[in-house]
Amino acid sequence: MWIAFLRDFNGVTMLVEDADWYWQIQIFSEAAGAHGFGVFWDGHLAAEVWPPAWKEAHHSIAFLEFFPLVVALFIWGHTLANRNVIFNVDNHTVVNLVNFQKAKDEKVLHLLRLFLLTYLKFNMMFKARYVPGVNNDIADTLSRSQWQRFRGLAPGADVQKTPVPGALWEMGM
């Protein structure tokens, strides 16, 4: 992992004041095990249904809940560079995974490595916070493709979803 990071490292670092997280980015995510995932921040969204091959693979809920966070960093990382990011998640396992950066499951560990390389590349500070599912309405509607309800909750959101790169989908095959 460090070799991959050092190969792309530009030598620039920034010390971030993390005491009050005054310039934080709030990202909300959700995974519906039987349907798909959604991730949302500042009007931007990514949401997809799980591919059939993923449903057949019977991924753990930790894998499915963590995947949208990896998607968020991968597709919006350049915009989030040098920022503090708070991931709002309704899964305690994923909150611990992000905050302590440890995983036992090999597939989750593979996602964690990509997550860490991406955050290092863009010099971010991050943490995860538990949010009860009932307080995560926007991401919940995205994960279940409830577009009419989503538009009512986030009328100013982007009209189009941010596409998920195919390489990320291959991680769950």
Protein backbone atom coordinates (compact mmCIF):
# COMPACT_ATOMS: atom_id res chain seq x y z
CA MET A 1 0.00 0.00 0.00
CA TRP A 2 2.76 2.48 0.90
CA ILE A 3 4.59 1.85 -2.36
CA ALA A 4 1.45 2.77 -4.28
CA PHE A 5 1.06 5.94 -2.19
CA LEU A 6 4.70 7.01 -2.47
CA ARG A 7 4.71 6.46 -6.24
CA ASP A 8 2.05 9.21 -6.63
CA PHE A 9 3.03 11.44 -3.69
CA ASN A 10 3.80 14.99 -4.79
CA GLY A 11 5.73 15.90 -1.63
CA VAL A 12 3.18 18.45 -0.45
CA THR A 13 1.54 18.02 2.94
CA MET A 14 -0.80 20.19 4.89
CA LEU A 15 -1.30 20.14 8.62
CA VAL A 16 -5.00 20.25 9.35
CA GLU A 17 -6.56 21.69 12.48
CA ASP A 18 -8.84 18.87 13.55
CA ALA A 19 -9.82 20.16 17.00
CA ASP A 20 -13.11 21.72 15.99
CA TRP A 21 -13.55 20.44 12.43
CA TYR A 22 -14.69 23.94 11.47
CA TRP A 23 -14.37 23.37 7.74
CA GLN A 24 -15.90 19.96 7.57
CA ILE A 25 -17.65 18.22 4.72
CA GLN A 26 -20.68 16.13 5.68
CA ILE A 27 -21.19 13.00 3.58
CA PHE A 28 -24.24 10.81 4.18
CA SER A 29 -24.34 7.22 2.98
CA GLU A 30 -26.64 4.22 3.11
CA ALA A 31 -26.75 0.71 1.71
CA ALA A 32 -29.93 -1.28 1.34
CA GLY A 33 -28.75 -4.87 1.33
CA ALA A 34 -31.43 -6.10 -1.05
CA HIS A 35 -31.44 -3.09 -3.37
CA GLY A 36 -28.44 -0.74 -3.68
CA PHE A 37 -26.59 2.19 -2.18
CA GLY A 38 -26.69 5.96 -2.02
CA VAL A 39 -24.18 8.62 -1.01
CA PHE A 40 -24.86 12.35 -0.79
CA TRP A 41 -23.01 15.57 0.03
CA ASP A 42 -23.70 19.23 -0.70
CA GLY A 43 -26.21 18.46 -3.46
CA HIS A 44 -24.04 15.83 -5.17
CA LEU A 45 -25.19 12.24 -5.32
CA ALA A 46 -24.20 8.78 -6.42
CA ALA A 47 -26.62 5.88 -6.23
CA GLU A 48 -26.92 2.53 -7.93
CA VAL A 49 -28.61 -0.82 -7.51
CA TRP A 50 -26.37 -3.76 -6.69
CA PRO A 51 -25.26 -5.69 -9.78
CA PRO A 52 -26.69 -9.23 -10.03
CA ALA A 53 -23.21 -10.71 -9.52
CA TRP A 54 -22.94 -8.85 -6.21
CA LYS A 55 -26.26 -10.24 -5.03
CA GLU A 56 -25.03 -13.74 -5.83
CA ALA A 57 -21.75 -13.10 -3.97
CA HIS A 58 -23.62 -12.54 -0.68
CA HIS A 59 -21.38 -9.72 0.54
CA SER A 60 -21.42 -8.86 4.23
CA ILE A 61 -23.46 -5.85 5.30
CA ALA A 62 -20.18 -4.21 6.39
CA PHE A 63 -18.86 -4.52 2.83
CA LEU A 64 -22.09 -3.10 1.36
CA GLU A 65 -22.28 -0.24 3.87
CA PHE A 66 -18.60 0.67 3.43
CA PHE A 67 -18.70 0.61 -0.37
CA PRO A 68 -20.50 4.00 -0.73
CA LEU A 69 -17.78 5.69 1.33
CA VAL A 70 -15.14 4.33 -1.01
CA VAL A 71 -17.23 5.51 -3.96
CA ALA A 72 -17.48 9.01 -2.44
CA LEU A 73 -13.72 9.33 -2.00
CA PHE A 74 -12.97 7.83 -5.38
CA ILE A 75 -15.32 10.05 -7.41
CA TRP A 76 -15.18 13.28 -5.39
CA GLY A 77 -11.75 13.03 -3.78
CA HIS A 78 -10.20 15.74 -5.94
CA THR A 79 -12.91 18.15 -4.75
CA LEU A 80 -12.49 17.09 -1.12
CA ALA A 81 -8.71 17.48 -1.13
CA ASN A 82 -7.18 19.13 1.95
CA ARG A 83 -10.50 19.06 3.79
CA ASN A 84 -12.00 17.44 6.87
CA VAL A 85 -14.64 14.88 5.94
CA ILE A 86 -17.23 13.40 8.25
CA PHE A 87 -19.00 10.27 7.03
CA ASN A 88 -22.48 9.91 8.50
CA VAL A 89 -23.32 6.21 8.54
CA ASP A 90 -26.06 4.14 10.17
CA ASN A 91 -23.85 1.12 10.74
CA HIS A 92 -21.66 0.85 13.85
CA THR A 93 -19.29 -1.63 12.20
CA VAL A 94 -18.51 0.82 9.40
CA VAL A 95 -18.09 3.69 11.86
CA ASN A 96 -15.47 1.60 13.70
CA LEU A 97 -13.90 0.48 10.42
CA VAL A 98 -13.36 4.08 9.34
CA ASN A 99 -12.31 5.44 12.72
CA PHE A 100 -9.94 2.61 13.66
CA GLN A 101 -8.95 1.45 10.15
CA LYS A 102 -9.05 -2.27 10.94
CA ALA A 103 -10.88 -5.09 9.20
CA LYS A 104 -10.87 -8.87 9.41
CA ASP A 105 -12.90 -9.68 6.28
CA GLU A 106 -10.61 -9.89 3.23
CA LYS A 107 -13.05 -8.12 0.88
CA VAL A 108 -13.64 -5.31 3.38
CA LEU A 109 -9.88 -5.03 3.89
CA HIS A 110 -9.42 -4.62 0.14
CA LEU A 111 -11.94 -1.73 0.17
CA LEU A 112 -10.22 -0.25 3.22
CA ARG A 113 -6.87 -0.19 1.43
CA LEU A 114 -8.37 1.67 -1.52
CA PHE A 115 -10.12 4.05 0.87
CA LEU A 116 -6.88 4.81 2.72
CA LEU A 117 -4.82 5.27 -0.45
CA THR A 118 -7.41 7.67 -1.81
CA TYR A 119 -7.58 9.77 1.33
CA LEU A 120 -3.77 9.90 1.50
CA LYS A 121 -3.59 10.95 -2.14
CA PHE A 122 -5.90 13.89 -1.49
CA ASN A 123 -4.55 14.78 1.98
CA MET A 124 -7.85 14.53 3.82
CA MET A 125 -8.73 14.18 7.45
CA PHE A 126 -11.76 12.02 8.09
CA LYS A 127 -13.88 10.37 10.70
CA ALA A 128 -17.16 8.53 10.76
CA ARG A 129 -20.14 9.27 12.95
CA TYR A 130 -23.10 7.04 13.68
CA VAL A 131 -26.43 8.46 12.51
CA PRO A 132 -29.63 6.49 13.21
CA GLY A 133 -31.27 5.34 10.00
CA VAL A 134 -34.38 7.43 10.69
CA ASN A 135 -32.16 10.55 10.52
CA ASN A 136 -30.52 9.55 7.23
CA ASP A 137 -33.52 10.06 4.94
CA ILE A 138 -31.75 11.45 1.88
CA ALA A 139 -29.19 8.66 1.60
CA ASP A 140 -31.88 6.12 2.44
CA THR A 141 -34.07 7.23 -0.46
CA LEU A 142 -31.09 7.05 -2.81
CA SER A 143 -30.22 3.51 -1.72
CA ARG A 144 -33.77 2.39 -2.53
CA SER A 145 -34.16 4.40 -5.78
CA GLN A 146 -37.05 6.42 -4.30
CA TRP A 147 -36.46 9.34 -6.66
CA GLN A 148 -39.68 11.26 -6.08
CA ARG A 149 -39.18 11.22 -2.32
CA PHE A 150 -35.50 12.12 -2.75
CA ARG A 151 -36.38 15.18 -4.89
CA GLY A 152 -38.80 16.29 -2.19
CA LEU A 153 -36.09 16.02 0.49
CA ALA A 154 -33.29 17.55 -1.61
CA PRO A 155 -34.93 19.76 -4.26
CA GLY A 156 -31.68 21.60 -5.05
CA ALA A 157 -29.63 18.44 -5.59
CA ASP A 158 -27.87 17.69 -8.85
CA VAL A 159 -30.25 16.43 -11.53
CA GLN A 160 -27.86 13.70 -12.63
CA LYS A 161 -26.12 11.12 -10.46
CA THR A 162 -22.35 10.97 -10.47
CA PRO A 163 -21.49 7.71 -12.24
CA VAL A 164 -19.61 4.99 -10.39
CA PRO A 165 -16.46 3.91 -12.26
CA GLY A 166 -16.50 0.31 -13.46
CA ALA A 167 -13.26 -0.47 -11.64
CA LEU A 168 -15.03 -0.04 -8.30
CA TRP A 169 -17.72 -2.54 -9.26
CA GLU A 170 -15.03 -5.11 -10.03
CA MET A 171 -13.99 -5.04 -6.37
CA GLY A 172 -17.13 -6.93 -5.44
CA MET A 173 -16.97 -9.59 -8.09
